[in-house]
């Protein structure tokens, strides 16, 4: 092998090595970019999870508030029903009293005659 041939082989070997190193550098940069993308996705997933957890907690509180309001509404309905019953009883008692008063006035009028 001549000196020029050896130089060409060495030059080719160096070119292959240079290409390999450049390829490894590009791969390393790609890996670093992918790692950054993955870290960003992880952060976004954590944020989404936190937002979802807050939303679920808010929905639970809202559901509890609704249940409380429904119970209060049922209590108010029972109170209204009682008040209506009292009102009906009062009207009945009032009518009895009015009849008694008329009867007493009639008897007094008869006695005064």
C-alpha atoms as a PDB file:
ATOM      1  CA  UNK A   1       0.000   0.000   0.000  1.00  0.00           C
ATOM      2  CA  UNK A   2       1.349   3.340  -0.947  1.00  0.00           C
ATOM      3  CA  UNK A   3       1.600   6.363   1.250  1.00  0.00           C
ATOM      4  CA  UNK A   4      -1.207   8.103  -0.663  1.00  0.00           C
ATOM      5  CA  UNK A   5      -3.470   5.060  -0.276  1.00  0.00           C
ATOM      6  CA  UNK A   6      -2.765   4.934   3.454  1.00  0.00           C
ATOM      7  CA  UNK A   7      -3.499   8.642   3.668  1.00  0.00           C
ATOM      8  CA  UNK A   8      -6.802   8.119   1.816  1.00  0.00           C
ATOM      9  CA  UNK A   9      -7.782   5.202   4.122  1.00  0.00           C
ATOM     10  CA  UNK A  10      -6.899   7.268   7.213  1.00  0.00           C
ATOM     11  CA  UNK A  11      -8.799  10.252   5.779  1.00  0.00           C
ATOM     12  CA  UNK A  12     -11.818   7.998   5.167  1.00  0.00           C
ATOM     13  CA  UNK A  13     -11.550   6.575   8.673  1.00  0.00           C
ATOM     14  CA  UNK A  14     -11.347  10.079  10.112  1.00  0.00           C
ATOM     15  CA  UNK A  15     -14.344  11.152   8.012  1.00  0.00           C
ATOM     16  CA  UNK A  16     -16.328   8.127   9.245  1.00  0.00           C
ATOM     17  CA  UNK A  17     -15.338   8.966  12.824  1.00  0.00           C
ATOM     18  CA  UNK A  18     -16.263  12.636  12.323  1.00  0.00           C
ATOM     19  CA  UNK A  19     -19.631  11.641  10.813  1.00  0.00           C
ATOM     20  CA  UNK A  20     -20.238   9.267  13.706  1.00  0.00           C
ATOM     21  CA  UNK A  21     -19.407  11.966  16.269  1.00  0.00           C
ATOM     22  CA  UNK A  22     -21.653  14.482  14.524  1.00  0.00           C
ATOM     23  CA  UNK A  23     -24.442  11.908  14.428  1.00  0.00           C
ATOM     24  CA  UNK A  24     -23.939  11.203  18.128  1.00  0.00           C
ATOM     25  CA  UNK A  25     -24.065  14.947  18.894  1.00  0.00           C
ATOM     26  CA  UNK A  26     -27.308  15.311  16.902  1.00  0.00           C
ATOM     27  CA  UNK A  27     -28.753  12.279  18.688  1.00  0.00           C
ATOM     28  CA  UNK A  28     -27.729  13.713  22.051  1.00  0.00           C
ATOM     29  CA  UNK A  29     -29.370  17.057  21.180  1.00  0.00           C
ATOM     30  CA  UNK A  30     -32.502  15.222  20.043  1.00  0.00           C
ATOM     31  CA  UNK A  31     -32.532  13.242  23.289  1.00  0.00           C
ATOM     32  CA  UNK A  32     -32.164  16.442  25.318  1.00  0.00           C
ATOM     33  CA  UNK A  33     -35.001  18.068  23.365  1.00  0.00           C
ATOM     34  CA  UNK A  34     -37.183  14.997  23.885  1.00  0.00           C
ATOM     35  CA  UNK A  35     -36.312  15.026  27.579  1.00  0.00           C
ATOM     36  CA  UNK A  36     -37.389  18.676  27.791  1.00  0.00           C
ATOM     37  CA  UNK A  37     -40.612  17.818  25.949  1.00  0.00           C
ATOM     38  CA  UNK A  38     -41.242  14.921  28.328  1.00  0.00           C
ATOM     39  CA  UNK A  39     -40.601  17.114  31.364  1.00  0.00           C
ATOM     40  CA  UNK A  40     -42.976  19.714  29.951  1.00  0.00           C
ATOM     41  CA  UNK A  41     -45.631  17.037  29.376  1.00  0.00           C
ATOM     42  CA  UNK A  42     -45.153  15.788  32.926  1.00  0.00           C
ATOM     43  CA  UNK A  43     -45.617  19.320  34.286  1.00  0.00           C
ATOM     44  CA  UNK A  44     -48.717  19.793  32.144  1.00  0.00           C
ATOM     45  CA  UNK A  45     -50.098  16.451  33.357  1.00  0.00           C
ATOM     46  CA  UNK A  46     -49.453  17.482  36.978  1.00  0.00           C
ATOM     47  CA  UNK A  47     -51.199  20.796  36.365  1.00  0.00           C
ATOM     48  CA  UNK A  48     -54.153  19.084  34.673  1.00  0.00           C
ATOM     49  CA  UNK A  49     -54.353  16.623  37.572  1.00  0.00           C
ATOM     50  CA  UNK A  50     -54.338  19.477  40.073  1.00  0.00           C
ATOM     51  CA  UNK A  51     -57.058  21.327  38.158  1.00  0.00           C
ATOM     52  CA  UNK A  52     -59.127  18.142  37.966  1.00  0.00           C
ATOM     53  CA  UNK A  53     -58.691  17.511  41.705  1.00  0.00           C
ATOM     54  CA  UNK A  54     -59.769  21.085  42.474  1.00  0.00           C
ATOM     55  CA  UNK A  55     -62.761  20.703  40.184  1.00  0.00           C
ATOM     56  CA  UNK A  56     -63.788  17.449  41.865  1.00  0.00           C
ATOM     57  CA  UNK A  57     -63.456  19.027  45.302  1.00  0.00           C
ATOM     58  CA  UNK A  58     -65.542  21.964  44.126  1.00  0.00           C
ATOM     59  CA  UNK A  59     -68.185  19.590  42.745  1.00  0.00           C
ATOM     60  CA  UNK A  60     -68.275  17.719  46.055  1.00  0.00           C
ATOM     61  CA  UNK A  61     -68.766  20.995  47.940  1.00  0.00           C
ATOM     62  CA  UNK A  62     -71.468  22.045  45.461  1.00  0.00           C
ATOM     63  CA  UNK A  63     -73.226  18.679  45.880  1.00  0.00           C
ATOM     64  CA  UNK A  64     -73.113  19.073  49.675  1.00  0.00           C
ATOM     65  CA  UNK A  65     -74.508  22.600  49.368  1.00  0.00           C
ATOM     66  CA  UNK A  66     -77.313  21.335  47.124  1.00  0.00           C
ATOM     67  CA  UNK A  67     -78.153  18.555  49.589  1.00  0.00           C
ATOM     68  CA  UNK A  68     -78.245  21.124  52.401  1.00  0.00           C
ATOM     69  CA  UNK A  69     -80.518  23.388  50.359  1.00  0.00           C
ATOM     70  CA  UNK A  70     -82.817  20.459  49.560  1.00  0.00           C
ATOM     71  CA  UNK A  71     -83.058  19.538  53.238  1.00  0.00           C
ATOM     72  CA  UNK A  72     -83.802  23.164  54.158  1.00  0.00           C
ATOM     73  CA  UNK A  73     -86.428  23.259  51.406  1.00  0.00           C
ATOM     74  CA  UNK A  74     -88.067  20.109  52.794  1.00  0.00           C
ATOM     75  CA  UNK A  75     -88.044  21.638  56.293  1.00  0.00           C
ATOM     76  CA  UNK A  76     -89.682  24.797  54.960  1.00  0.00           C
ATOM     77  CA  UNK A  77     -92.313  22.736  53.148  1.00  0.00           C
ATOM     78  CA  UNK A  78     -93.128  20.928  56.419  1.00  0.00           C
ATOM     79  CA  UNK A  79     -93.347  24.296  58.199  1.00  0.00           C
ATOM     80  CA  UNK A  80     -95.673  25.657  55.522  1.00  0.00           C
ATOM     81  CA  UNK A  81     -97.833  22.535  55.786  1.00  0.00           C
ATOM     82  CA  UNK A  82     -98.006  22.997  59.586  1.00  0.00           C
ATOM     83  CA  UNK A  83     -98.863  26.668  59.185  1.00  0.00           C
ATOM     84  CA  UNK A  84    -101.609  25.830  56.706  1.00  0.00           C
ATOM     85  CA  UNK A  85    -102.937  23.262  59.177  1.00  0.00           C
ATOM     86  CA  UNK A  86    -102.837  25.820  61.993  1.00  0.00           C
ATOM     87  CA  UNK A  87    -104.558  28.341  59.779  1.00  0.00           C
ATOM     88  CA  UNK A  88    -107.320  25.889  58.935  1.00  0.00           C
ATOM     89  CA  UNK A  89    -107.714  25.011  62.630  1.00  0.00           C
ATOM     90  CA  UNK A  90    -107.772  28.695  63.544  1.00  0.00           C
ATOM     91  CA  UNK A  91    -110.451  29.409  60.957  1.00  0.00           C
ATOM     92  CA  UNK A  92    -112.519  26.547  62.342  1.00  0.00           C
ATOM     93  CA  UNK A  93    -112.042  27.800  65.913  1.00  0.00           C
ATOM     94  CA  UNK A  94    -112.849  31.336  64.779  1.00  0.00           C
ATOM     95  CA  UNK A  95    -116.063  30.146  63.167  1.00  0.00           C
ATOM     96  CA  UNK A  96    -117.028  28.280  66.375  1.00  0.00           C
ATOM     97  CA  UNK A  97    -116.372  31.426  68.419  1.00  0.00           C
ATOM     98  CA  UNK A  98    -118.420  33.565  66.053  1.00  0.00           C
ATOM     99  CA  UNK A  99    -121.316  31.110  66.252  1.00  0.00           C
ATOM    100  CA  UNK A 100    -121.089  31.081  70.041  1.00  0.00           C
ATOM    101  CA  UNK A 101    -120.996  34.869  70.156  1.00  0.00           C
ATOM    102  CA  UNK A 102    -124.076  35.087  67.947  1.00  0.00           C
ATOM    103  CA  UNK A 103    -125.815  32.512  70.124  1.00  0.00           C
ATOM    104  CA  UNK A 104    -124.903  34.441  73.270  1.00  0.00           C
ATOM    105  CA  UNK A 105    -126.102  37.703  71.713  1.00  0.00           C
ATOM    106  CA  UNK A 106    -129.355  36.028  70.687  1.00  0.00           C
ATOM    107  CA  UNK A 107    -129.887  34.650  74.198  1.00  0.00           C
ATOM    108  CA  UNK A 108    -129.110  38.031  75.745  1.00  0.00           C
ATOM    109  CA  UNK A 109    -131.497  39.705  73.350  1.00  0.00           C
ATOM    110  CA  UNK A 110    -134.233  37.203  74.323  1.00  0.00           C
ATOM    111  CA  UNK A 111    -133.536  37.737  78.016  1.00  0.00           C
ATOM    112  CA  UNK A 112    -133.601  41.509  77.647  1.00  0.00           C
ATOM    113  CA  UNK A 113    -137.039  41.339  76.056  1.00  0.00           C
END
